[in-house]
Amino acid sequence: MNENDSEIVDSINNTEETVNDEELKLDLSDDNSEDVETLKKEIATLKAQKEHFKKKAETKVETKVETKEEATVHSQDISQKDYLLLAKSNVDLEDVDEVIDFAKYRKISIAEALQNTTLKAILSDSKEKRQTALATQTSGTRKTNSPSFEALTEKAKKGDISESEIDKLVALRMEAKVNKKL
């Protein structure tokens, strides 16, 4: 083989072919100069696009890292001492977020916020609303006067008894048997 010759393997046909390197060189004559210039411009454009998208991807990764760090910082704004202070000051669980938001808005500590008269008024108002809601809350189920065992037995003897009353009668009879055994 000659110094300028190369072996080219045709992978599809599994054959080798010896080609002269001079044959492989592009014909850069004047006829193809426009094509070469166009290709060079396209290559330059592609390289620029590659760099652009690479930088864009890197900034997205950096932004995600920063937001995770910011989230960690925000969750650590309240110290364990502040939580302990909230617990000792008898702040209802529903009002804890209110106290924290108030302190952040005013840019003061939790201890200072709990001493603030405005926040005290807000907390007492919300406590009063909860107490009123509890006091006016009515029970969902009312007890009805259920007929006695004897009355249900009389109805059953007459044949004038509903299915639900039969269930009550059976339950009362079972209760009576259990109570007699004890």
N, C-alpha and C. Protein backbone atom coordinates (compact mmCIF):
# COMPACT_ATOMS: atom_id res chain seq x y z
N MET A 1 0.83 -1.17 0.00
CA MET A 1 0.00 0.00 0.00
C MET A 1 0.89 1.24 0.00
N ASN A 2 0.43 2.27 -0.57
CA ASN A 2 1.13 3.52 -0.72
C ASN A 2 0.92 4.39 0.53
N GLU A 3 1.77 5.39 0.79
CA GLU A 3 1.64 6.26 1.94
C GLU A 3 0.35 7.07 1.88
N ASN A 4 -0.08 7.42 0.74
CA ASN A 4 -1.28 8.24 0.57
C ASN A 4 -2.55 7.41 0.48
N ASP A 5 -2.40 6.11 0.60
CA ASP A 5 -3.56 5.23 0.47
C ASP A 5 -4.14 4.95 1.86
N SER A 6 -5.44 4.76 1.92
CA SER A 6 -6.13 4.43 3.17
C SER A 6 -7.04 3.25 2.91
N GLU A 7 -7.27 2.51 3.98
CA GLU A 7 -8.20 1.40 3.85
C GLU A 7 -9.55 1.86 4.36
N ILE A 8 -10.55 1.65 3.59
CA ILE A 8 -11.91 2.00 3.97
C ILE A 8 -12.69 0.71 4.06
N VAL A 9 -13.36 0.51 5.20
CA VAL A 9 -14.14 -0.70 5.39
C VAL A 9 -15.59 -0.37 5.14
N ASP A 10 -16.18 -1.11 4.23
CA ASP A 10 -17.60 -0.95 3.94
C ASP A 10 -18.34 -1.85 4.93
N SER A 11 -18.93 -1.24 5.96
CA SER A 11 -19.54 -2.04 7.02
C SER A 11 -20.80 -2.75 6.56
N ILE A 12 -21.43 -2.27 5.55
CA ILE A 12 -22.65 -2.92 5.07
C ILE A 12 -22.32 -4.22 4.35
N ASN A 13 -21.32 -4.18 3.50
CA ASN A 13 -20.97 -5.37 2.72
C ASN A 13 -19.80 -6.14 3.31
N ASN A 14 -19.22 -5.65 4.41
CA ASN A 14 -18.06 -6.27 5.05
C ASN A 14 -16.90 -6.46 4.06
N THR A 15 -16.65 -5.45 3.30
CA THR A 15 -15.54 -5.50 2.33
C THR A 15 -14.59 -4.36 2.60
N GLU A 16 -13.32 -4.55 2.26
CA GLU A 16 -12.32 -3.51 2.40
C GLU A 16 -11.98 -2.96 1.04
N GLU A 17 -11.68 -1.67 1.01
CA GLU A 17 -11.36 -1.03 -0.26
C GLU A 17 -10.21 -0.07 -0.01
N THR A 18 -9.24 -0.10 -0.86
CA THR A 18 -8.11 0.80 -0.75
C THR A 18 -8.36 2.01 -1.63
N VAL A 19 -8.26 3.20 -0.99
CA VAL A 19 -8.56 4.43 -1.72
C VAL A 19 -7.36 5.35 -1.54
N ASN A 20 -7.05 6.05 -2.53
CA ASN A 20 -5.97 7.01 -2.51
C ASN A 20 -6.45 8.24 -1.75
N ASP A 21 -5.62 8.75 -0.78
CA ASP A 21 -6.00 9.92 0.00
C ASP A 21 -6.27 11.12 -0.88
N GLU A 22 -5.61 11.20 -1.96
CA GLU A 22 -5.80 12.34 -2.86
C GLU A 22 -7.21 12.32 -3.45
N GLU A 23 -7.79 11.14 -3.57
CA GLU A 23 -9.16 11.05 -4.09
C GLU A 23 -10.16 11.54 -3.06
N LEU A 24 -9.79 11.39 -1.75
CA LEU A 24 -10.71 11.77 -0.70
C LEU A 24 -10.76 13.28 -0.48
N LYS A 25 -9.75 14.00 -0.84
CA LYS A 25 -9.71 15.44 -0.62
C LYS A 25 -10.81 16.10 -1.43
N LEU A 26 -11.41 17.09 -0.80
CA LEU A 26 -12.47 17.81 -1.48
C LEU A 26 -11.91 18.65 -2.61
N ASP A 27 -12.67 18.74 -3.61
CA ASP A 27 -12.29 19.57 -4.75
C ASP A 27 -12.69 21.00 -4.39
N LEU A 28 -11.72 21.81 -3.98
CA LEU A 28 -11.99 23.17 -3.56
C LEU A 28 -11.75 24.18 -4.68
N SER A 29 -12.09 23.81 -5.82
CA SER A 29 -11.92 24.71 -6.95
C SER A 29 -12.96 25.82 -6.88
N ASP A 30 -12.88 26.75 -7.76
CA ASP A 30 -13.75 27.92 -7.77
C ASP A 30 -15.22 27.57 -7.93
N ASP A 31 -15.54 26.45 -8.54
CA ASP A 31 -16.92 26.07 -8.78
C ASP A 31 -17.65 25.79 -7.45
N ASN A 32 -16.96 25.25 -6.49
CA ASN A 32 -17.58 24.87 -5.22
C ASN A 32 -17.35 25.89 -4.11
N SER A 33 -16.77 27.02 -4.41
CA SER A 33 -16.44 27.99 -3.36
C SER A 33 -17.69 28.54 -2.68
N GLU A 34 -18.79 28.68 -3.37
CA GLU A 34 -20.04 29.15 -2.76
C GLU A 34 -20.57 28.11 -1.78
N ASP A 35 -20.51 26.83 -2.19
CA ASP A 35 -20.98 25.76 -1.31
C ASP A 35 -20.13 25.68 -0.06
N VAL A 36 -18.84 25.84 -0.19
CA VAL A 36 -17.93 25.78 0.95
C VAL A 36 -18.22 26.94 1.89
N GLU A 37 -18.40 28.13 1.36
CA GLU A 37 -18.68 29.30 2.20
C GLU A 37 -20.02 29.13 2.92
N THR A 38 -21.01 28.59 2.20
CA THR A 38 -22.32 28.35 2.81
C THR A 38 -22.19 27.35 3.96
N LEU A 39 -21.44 26.28 3.71
CA LEU A 39 -21.24 25.27 4.75
C LEU A 39 -20.50 25.84 5.96
N LYS A 40 -19.51 26.68 5.70
CA LYS A 40 -18.78 27.31 6.81
C LYS A 40 -19.71 28.18 7.64
N LYS A 41 -20.58 28.92 6.98
CA LYS A 41 -21.53 29.77 7.70
C LYS A 41 -22.50 28.92 8.52
N GLU A 42 -22.97 27.83 7.93
CA GLU A 42 -23.88 26.94 8.65
C GLU A 42 -23.20 26.32 9.86
N ILE A 43 -21.95 25.93 9.70
CA ILE A 43 -21.19 25.37 10.82
C ILE A 43 -21.04 26.41 11.92
N ALA A 44 -20.71 27.63 11.56
CA ALA A 44 -20.56 28.70 12.54
C ALA A 44 -21.89 28.95 13.27
N THR A 45 -22.98 28.93 12.51
CA THR A 45 -24.29 29.13 13.11
C THR A 45 -24.62 28.00 14.08
N LEU A 46 -24.35 26.78 13.68
CA LEU A 46 -24.63 25.64 14.54
C LEU A 46 -23.80 25.68 15.82
N LYS A 47 -22.54 26.08 15.69
CA LYS A 47 -21.70 26.20 16.88
C LYS A 47 -22.24 27.28 17.82
N ALA A 48 -22.70 28.39 17.26
CA ALA A 48 -23.25 29.47 18.08
C ALA A 48 -24.53 29.00 18.79
N GLN A 49 -25.37 28.26 18.07
CA GLN A 49 -26.59 27.74 18.67
C GLN A 49 -26.26 26.76 19.79
N LYS A 50 -25.27 25.93 19.57
CA LYS A 50 -24.87 24.95 20.57
C LYS A 50 -24.44 25.67 21.86
N GLU A 51 -23.63 26.70 21.72
CA GLU A 51 -23.16 27.46 22.88
C GLU A 51 -24.34 28.14 23.59
N HIS A 52 -25.25 28.70 22.78
CA HIS A 52 -26.40 29.39 23.34
C HIS A 52 -27.23 28.43 24.21
N PHE A 53 -27.57 27.27 23.65
CA PHE A 53 -28.40 26.32 24.38
C PHE A 53 -27.66 25.69 25.57
N LYS A 54 -26.36 25.57 25.45
CA LYS A 54 -25.56 25.06 26.56
C LYS A 54 -25.62 26.03 27.73
N LYS A 55 -25.45 27.33 27.44
CA LYS A 55 -25.52 28.35 28.49
C LYS A 55 -26.92 28.41 29.10
N LYS A 56 -27.92 28.27 28.25
CA LYS A 56 -29.30 28.31 28.72
C LYS A 56 -29.59 27.14 29.68
N ALA A 57 -29.10 25.96 29.33
CA ALA A 57 -29.28 24.79 30.18
C ALA A 57 -28.54 24.96 31.51
N GLU A 58 -27.36 25.52 31.47
CA GLU A 58 -26.59 25.73 32.69
C GLU A 58 -27.30 26.72 33.62
N THR A 59 -27.88 27.78 33.07
CA THR A 59 -28.57 28.75 33.91
C THR A 59 -29.82 28.14 34.54
N LYS A 60 -30.50 27.24 33.81
CA LYS A 60 -31.66 26.58 34.39
C LYS A 60 -31.25 25.71 35.57
N VAL A 61 -30.15 25.00 35.44
CA VAL A 61 -29.67 24.16 36.53
C VAL A 61 -29.31 25.03 37.73
N GLU A 62 -28.63 26.15 37.49
CA GLU A 62 -28.26 27.06 38.58
C GLU A 62 -29.50 27.62 39.25
N THR A 63 -30.53 27.96 38.47
CA THR A 63 -31.76 28.51 39.03
C THR A 63 -32.44 27.48 39.92
N LYS A 64 -32.49 26.22 39.49
CA LYS A 64 -33.11 25.18 40.31
C LYS A 64 -32.36 25.01 41.61
N VAL A 65 -31.06 25.06 41.59
CA VAL A 65 -30.27 24.92 42.81
C VAL A 65 -30.55 26.08 43.74
N GLU A 66 -30.63 27.31 43.20
CA GLU A 66 -30.90 28.48 44.03
C GLU A 66 -32.27 28.39 44.68
N THR A 67 -33.30 27.96 43.94
CA THR A 67 -34.64 27.89 44.53
C THR A 67 -34.70 26.84 45.63
N LYS A 68 -33.96 25.74 45.50
CA LYS A 68 -33.93 24.75 46.58
C LYS A 68 -33.27 25.35 47.81
N GLU A 69 -32.20 26.11 47.60
CA GLU A 69 -31.52 26.73 48.73
C GLU A 69 -32.42 27.77 49.39
N GLU A 70 -33.15 28.55 48.57
CA GLU A 70 -34.05 29.56 49.12
C GLU A 70 -35.15 28.91 49.94
N ALA A 71 -35.68 27.80 49.46
CA ALA A 71 -36.72 27.10 50.21
C ALA A 71 -36.19 26.63 51.56
N THR A 72 -34.98 26.16 51.58
CA THR A 72 -34.37 25.71 52.82
C THR A 72 -34.21 26.89 53.77
N VAL A 73 -33.78 28.04 53.25
CA VAL A 73 -33.59 29.22 54.08
C VAL A 73 -34.93 29.67 54.67
N HIS A 74 -36.01 29.67 53.85
CA HIS A 74 -37.31 30.11 54.35
C HIS A 74 -37.85 29.16 55.41
N SER A 75 -37.61 27.88 55.27
CA SER A 75 -38.11 26.94 56.26
C SER A 75 -37.31 27.04 57.56
N GLN A 76 -36.11 27.60 57.51
CA GLN A 76 -35.28 27.72 58.70
C GLN A 76 -35.39 29.10 59.34
N ASP A 77 -36.27 29.97 58.81
CA ASP A 77 -36.43 31.30 59.37
C ASP A 77 -36.87 31.26 60.83
N ILE A 78 -37.66 30.28 61.18
CA ILE A 78 -38.20 30.18 62.53
C ILE A 78 -37.37 29.17 63.31
N SER A 79 -36.81 29.63 64.38
CA SER A 79 -35.93 28.77 65.17
C SER A 79 -36.75 27.89 66.10
N GLN A 80 -36.08 26.95 66.71
CA GLN A 80 -36.74 26.07 67.67
C GLN A 80 -37.19 26.86 68.89
N LYS A 81 -36.43 27.89 69.23
CA LYS A 81 -36.82 28.74 70.36
C LYS A 81 -38.15 29.44 70.07
N ASP A 82 -38.32 29.87 68.82
CA ASP A 82 -39.57 30.52 68.45
C ASP A 82 -40.75 29.56 68.56
N TYR A 83 -40.55 28.32 68.11
CA TYR A 83 -41.61 27.33 68.24
C TYR A 83 -41.95 27.07 69.71
N LEU A 84 -40.93 27.00 70.54
CA LEU A 84 -41.14 26.81 71.97
C LEU A 84 -41.88 27.99 72.57
N LEU A 85 -41.52 29.19 72.16
CA LEU A 85 -42.18 30.40 72.63
C LEU A 85 -43.65 30.41 72.22
N LEU A 86 -43.93 29.98 71.00
CA LEU A 86 -45.32 29.91 70.53
C LEU A 86 -46.12 28.91 71.36
N ALA A 87 -45.51 27.80 71.67
CA ALA A 87 -46.20 26.78 72.46
C ALA A 87 -46.47 27.28 73.88
N LYS A 88 -45.51 27.95 74.49
CA LYS A 88 -45.66 28.42 75.87
C LYS A 88 -46.63 29.60 75.97
N SER A 89 -46.80 30.34 74.89
CA SER A 89 -47.69 31.51 74.94
C SER A 89 -49.14 31.14 74.66
N ASN A 90 -49.43 29.84 74.61
CA ASN A 90 -50.79 29.35 74.40
C ASN A 90 -51.43 29.85 73.11
N VAL A 91 -50.64 29.95 72.07
CA VAL A 91 -51.18 30.32 70.77
C VAL A 91 -51.79 29.06 70.16
N ASP A 92 -53.04 29.18 69.74
CA ASP A 92 -53.71 28.03 69.12
C ASP A 92 -52.99 27.63 67.86
N LEU A 93 -53.07 26.36 67.54
CA LEU A 93 -52.40 25.82 66.36
C LEU A 93 -52.86 26.52 65.09
N GLU A 94 -54.12 26.91 65.05
CA GLU A 94 -54.67 27.60 63.89
C GLU A 94 -54.08 29.00 63.72
N ASP A 95 -53.59 29.58 64.81
CA ASP A 95 -53.08 30.95 64.77
C ASP A 95 -51.56 31.05 64.60
N VAL A 96 -50.86 29.93 64.61
CA VAL A 96 -49.40 29.95 64.52
C VAL A 96 -48.96 30.61 63.21
N ASP A 97 -49.59 30.23 62.11
CA ASP A 97 -49.22 30.83 60.83
C ASP A 97 -49.48 32.33 60.83
N GLU A 98 -50.54 32.75 61.50
CA GLU A 98 -50.87 34.18 61.59
C GLU A 98 -49.75 34.93 62.32
N VAL A 99 -49.25 34.36 63.40
CA VAL A 99 -48.18 34.99 64.17
C VAL A 99 -46.90 35.07 63.34
N ILE A 100 -46.57 33.98 62.65
CA ILE A 100 -45.35 33.94 61.85
C ILE A 100 -45.43 34.95 60.71
N ASP A 101 -46.57 35.00 60.03
CA ASP A 101 -46.74 35.96 58.93
C ASP A 101 -46.66 37.39 59.44
N PHE A 102 -47.27 37.64 60.60
CA PHE A 102 -47.23 38.98 61.19
C PHE A 102 -45.80 39.40 61.49
N ALA A 103 -45.03 38.49 62.08
CA ALA A 103 -43.63 38.79 62.42
C ALA A 103 -42.80 39.04 61.16
N LYS A 104 -43.02 38.24 60.13
CA LYS A 104 -42.27 38.44 58.89
C LYS A 104 -42.65 39.75 58.22
N TYR A 105 -43.94 40.07 58.23
CA TYR A 105 -44.41 41.30 57.60
C TYR A 105 -43.83 42.52 58.31
N ARG A 106 -43.83 42.49 59.62
CA ARG A 106 -43.30 43.62 60.39
C ARG A 106 -41.78 43.58 60.52
N LYS A 107 -41.19 42.44 60.10
CA LYS A 107 -39.73 42.23 60.20
C LYS A 107 -39.26 42.34 61.65
N ILE A 108 -40.01 41.62 62.50
CA ILE A 108 -39.66 41.57 63.92
C ILE A 108 -39.61 40.11 64.33
N SER A 109 -39.08 39.86 65.52
CA SER A 109 -38.98 38.48 66.01
C SER A 109 -40.36 37.99 66.47
N ILE A 110 -40.46 36.69 66.67
CA ILE A 110 -41.71 36.09 67.15
C ILE A 110 -42.04 36.63 68.55
N ALA A 111 -41.02 36.77 69.39
CA ALA A 111 -41.23 37.27 70.75
C ALA A 111 -41.80 38.69 70.71
N GLU A 112 -41.26 39.53 69.85
CA GLU A 112 -41.77 40.90 69.73
C GLU A 112 -43.18 40.91 69.16
N ALA A 113 -43.43 40.01 68.22
CA ALA A 113 -44.76 39.94 67.61
C ALA A 113 -45.81 39.55 68.65
N LEU A 114 -45.45 38.61 69.54
CA LEU A 114 -46.40 38.17 70.56
C LEU A 114 -46.69 39.28 71.58
N GLN A 115 -45.81 40.24 71.72
CA GLN A 115 -46.02 41.37 72.64
C GLN A 115 -46.78 42.51 71.97
N ASN A 116 -46.93 42.47 70.65
CA ASN A 116 -47.58 43.54 69.89
C ASN A 116 -49.07 43.55 70.18
N THR A 117 -49.61 44.73 70.47
CA THR A 117 -51.03 44.84 70.83
C THR A 117 -51.94 44.53 69.63
N THR A 118 -51.51 44.85 68.44
CA THR A 118 -52.32 44.55 67.25
C THR A 118 -52.47 43.05 67.08
N LEU A 119 -51.38 42.33 67.19
CA LEU A 119 -51.44 40.87 67.06
C LEU A 119 -52.25 40.26 68.20
N LYS A 120 -52.11 40.81 69.41
CA LYS A 120 -52.89 40.30 70.54
C LYS A 120 -54.39 40.44 70.25
N ALA A 121 -54.77 41.57 69.65
CA ALA A 121 -56.18 41.80 69.32
C ALA A 121 -56.65 40.80 68.25
N ILE A 122 -55.81 40.56 67.27
CA ILE A 122 -56.15 39.61 66.21
C ILE A 122 -56.33 38.21 66.80
N LEU A 123 -55.39 37.81 67.66
CA LEU A 123 -55.45 36.47 68.25
C LEU A 123 -56.67 36.32 69.17
N SER A 124 -56.98 37.35 69.96
CA SER A 124 -58.14 37.24 70.85
C SER A 124 -59.44 37.21 70.04
N ASP A 125 -59.48 37.93 68.94
CA ASP A 125 -60.66 37.92 68.09
C ASP A 125 -60.88 36.54 67.47
N SER A 126 -59.80 35.94 66.97
CA SER A 126 -59.95 34.61 66.37
C SER A 126 -60.29 33.56 67.43
N LYS A 127 -59.77 33.73 68.64
CA LYS A 127 -60.09 32.79 69.73
C LYS A 127 -61.57 32.91 70.10
N GLU A 128 -62.06 34.16 70.17
CA GLU A 128 -63.46 34.39 70.48
C GLU A 128 -64.38 33.79 69.41
N LYS A 129 -63.98 33.91 68.15
CA LYS A 129 -64.77 33.33 67.05
C LYS A 129 -64.83 31.81 67.16
N ARG A 130 -63.71 31.20 67.52
CA ARG A 130 -63.70 29.74 67.68
C ARG A 130 -64.60 29.31 68.84
N GLN A 131 -64.53 30.04 69.95
CA GLN A 131 -65.36 29.70 71.10
C GLN A 131 -66.84 29.86 70.78
N THR A 132 -67.18 30.91 70.05
CA THR A 132 -68.57 31.12 69.65
C THR A 132 -69.04 30.00 68.73
N ALA A 133 -68.20 29.60 67.82
CA ALA A 133 -68.56 28.52 66.89
C ALA A 133 -68.77 27.22 67.65
N LEU A 134 -67.94 26.96 68.64
CA LEU A 134 -68.10 25.74 69.44
C LEU A 134 -69.39 25.78 70.27
N ALA A 135 -69.71 26.96 70.82
CA ALA A 135 -70.89 27.08 71.66
C ALA A 135 -72.18 26.95 70.85
N THR A 136 -72.19 27.47 69.65
CA THR A 136 -73.41 27.42 68.84
C THR A 136 -73.52 26.17 68.00
N GLN A 137 -72.51 25.34 68.06
CA GLN A 137 -72.53 24.11 67.27
C GLN A 137 -73.60 23.18 67.82
N THR A 138 -74.47 22.72 66.93
CA THR A 138 -75.52 21.80 67.37
C THR A 138 -75.13 20.40 66.99
N SER A 139 -75.64 19.47 67.76
CA SER A 139 -75.29 18.08 67.46
C SER A 139 -76.04 17.65 66.21
N GLY A 140 -75.39 16.82 65.41
CA GLY A 140 -75.96 16.37 64.15
C GLY A 140 -77.06 15.35 64.32
N THR A 141 -77.00 14.57 65.37
CA THR A 141 -78.01 13.54 65.57
C THR A 141 -78.80 13.83 66.83
N ARG A 142 -80.08 13.66 66.72
CA ARG A 142 -80.94 13.84 67.89
C ARG A 142 -81.46 12.48 68.31
N LYS A 143 -81.55 12.33 69.60
CA LYS A 143 -82.09 11.07 70.10
C LYS A 143 -83.61 11.12 69.98
N THR A 144 -84.12 10.07 69.46
CA THR A 144 -85.58 9.97 69.38
C THR A 144 -86.03 8.98 70.43
N ASN A 145 -87.20 9.17 70.86
CA ASN A 145 -87.74 8.24 71.85
C ASN A 145 -88.06 6.94 71.14
N SER A 146 -87.27 5.95 71.43
CA SER A 146 -87.54 4.67 70.81
C SER A 146 -88.54 3.91 71.67
N PRO A 147 -89.39 3.18 71.02
CA PRO A 147 -90.40 2.42 71.79
C PRO A 147 -89.73 1.38 72.69
N SER A 148 -90.39 1.08 73.75
CA SER A 148 -89.83 0.12 74.71
C SER A 148 -89.93 -1.30 74.16
N PHE A 149 -89.27 -2.20 74.85
CA PHE A 149 -89.27 -3.61 74.45
C PHE A 149 -90.71 -4.16 74.44
N GLU A 150 -91.48 -3.79 75.46
CA GLU A 150 -92.85 -4.28 75.57
C GLU A 150 -93.72 -3.75 74.43
N ALA A 151 -93.55 -2.47 74.09
CA ALA A 151 -94.35 -1.87 73.03
C ALA A 151 -94.02 -2.51 71.69
N LEU A 152 -92.75 -2.78 71.45
CA LEU A 152 -92.36 -3.43 70.19
C LEU A 152 -92.87 -4.86 70.13
N THR A 153 -92.87 -5.53 71.28
CA THR A 153 -93.38 -6.90 71.32
C THR A 153 -94.88 -6.93 71.00
N GLU A 154 -95.65 -5.98 71.53
CA GLU A 154 -97.08 -5.89 71.26
C GLU A 154 -97.33 -5.63 69.77
N LYS A 155 -96.51 -4.73 69.17
CA LYS A 155 -96.66 -4.43 67.74
C LYS A 155 -96.36 -5.67 66.91
N ALA A 156 -95.35 -6.43 67.33
CA ALA A 156 -94.96 -7.63 66.60
C ALA A 156 -96.08 -8.68 66.67
N LYS A 157 -96.75 -8.79 67.82
CA LYS A 157 -97.85 -9.76 67.98
C LYS A 157 -99.02 -9.40 67.07
N LYS A 158 -99.25 -8.10 66.88
CA LYS A 158 -100.34 -7.65 66.01
C LYS A 158 -99.96 -7.76 64.54
N GLY A 159 -98.63 -7.86 64.24
CA GLY A 159 -98.16 -7.92 62.85
C GLY A 159 -98.01 -6.54 62.22
N ASP A 160 -98.06 -5.52 63.03
CA ASP A 160 -97.96 -4.14 62.55
C ASP A 160 -96.60 -3.56 62.95
N ILE A 161 -95.53 -4.11 62.37
CA ILE A 161 -94.18 -3.70 62.75
C ILE A 161 -93.34 -3.52 61.49
N SER A 162 -92.51 -2.50 61.48
CA SER A 162 -91.65 -2.24 60.32
C SER A 162 -90.34 -3.01 60.47
N GLU A 163 -89.58 -3.01 59.40
CA GLU A 163 -88.31 -3.76 59.40
C GLU A 163 -87.32 -3.16 60.39
N SER A 164 -87.26 -1.82 60.46
CA SER A 164 -86.32 -1.18 61.39
C SER A 164 -86.73 -1.47 62.83
N GLU A 165 -88.05 -1.55 63.09
CA GLU A 165 -88.51 -1.86 64.44
C GLU A 165 -88.19 -3.31 64.81
N ILE A 166 -88.22 -4.19 63.82
CA ILE A 166 -87.84 -5.59 64.06
C ILE A 166 -86.38 -5.66 64.49
N ASP A 167 -85.53 -4.88 63.79
CA ASP A 167 -84.10 -4.84 64.15
C ASP A 167 -83.92 -4.33 65.58
N LYS A 168 -84.68 -3.31 65.96
CA LYS A 168 -84.59 -2.77 67.32
C LYS A 168 -85.04 -3.81 68.34
N LEU A 169 -86.13 -4.51 68.02
CA LEU A 169 -86.64 -5.52 68.92
C LEU A 169 -85.62 -6.63 69.15
N VAL A 170 -84.98 -7.08 68.08
CA VAL A 170 -83.95 -8.12 68.18
C VAL A 170 -82.79 -7.62 69.03
N ALA A 171 -82.36 -6.39 68.80
CA ALA A 171 -81.25 -5.83 69.56
C ALA A 171 -81.61 -5.72 71.04
N LEU A 172 -82.83 -5.27 71.34
CA LEU A 172 -83.26 -5.14 72.74
C LEU A 172 -83.35 -6.51 73.41
N ARG A 173 -83.83 -7.51 72.68
CA ARG A 173 -83.95 -8.86 73.25
C ARG A 173 -82.56 -9.42 73.56
N MET A 174 -81.62 -9.20 72.64
CA MET A 174 -80.25 -9.69 72.87
C MET A 174 -79.63 -8.97 74.06
N GLU A 175 -79.89 -7.68 74.19
CA GLU A 175 -79.38 -6.90 75.32
C GLU A 175 -79.93 -7.43 76.63
N ALA A 176 -81.20 -7.74 76.60
CA ALA A 176 -81.85 -8.26 77.82
C ALA A 176 -81.24 -9.60 78.22
N LYS A 177 -80.97 -10.47 77.26
CA LYS A 177 -80.37 -11.78 77.57
C LYS A 177 -78.97 -11.60 78.13
N VAL A 178 -78.18 -10.67 77.53
CA VAL A 178 -76.81 -10.44 78.00
C VAL A 178 -76.85 -9.89 79.42
N ASN A 179 -77.73 -8.95 79.70
CA ASN A 179 -77.80 -8.34 81.02
C ASN A 179 -78.25 -9.33 82.09
N LYS A 180 -79.10 -10.27 81.75
CA LYS A 180 -79.55 -11.28 82.71
C LYS A 180 -78.43 -12.25 83.06
N LYS A 181 -77.55 -12.54 82.09
CA LYS A 181 -76.44 -13.46 82.34
C LYS A 181 -75.38 -12.82 83.23
N LEU A 182 -75.22 -11.52 83.17
CA LEU A 182 -74.21 -10.85 83.96
C LEU A 182 -74.72 -10.69 85.35
